[in-house]
């Protein structure tokens, strides 16, 4: 049985903050999409827009780093299997 994903909506993430440990990539992407949707709506004030922008930038950086880590793992596995060094 899987646990519910963490709710990131109430967490203020600024450029210097990390995404909470245990966050799934899909949850971070959903939170990023929510930031973008709210910014694009034009219905938030300036301070809230800045907070959302910072949060979105941190989420984007975390997602990009996670994708790069996965890409490196896949590359390592495929190069290992190509040379016969894999498990």
Foldseek 3Di string as FASTA:
>chain_A
DDDDADDCPPPQAFQPDADDPPHDLVNLVVLLVVLVVVLVVVPDDPVVVVSSVRSNVNSVVNSVVVVVVVVVVVVVQVVCVVVVNHD
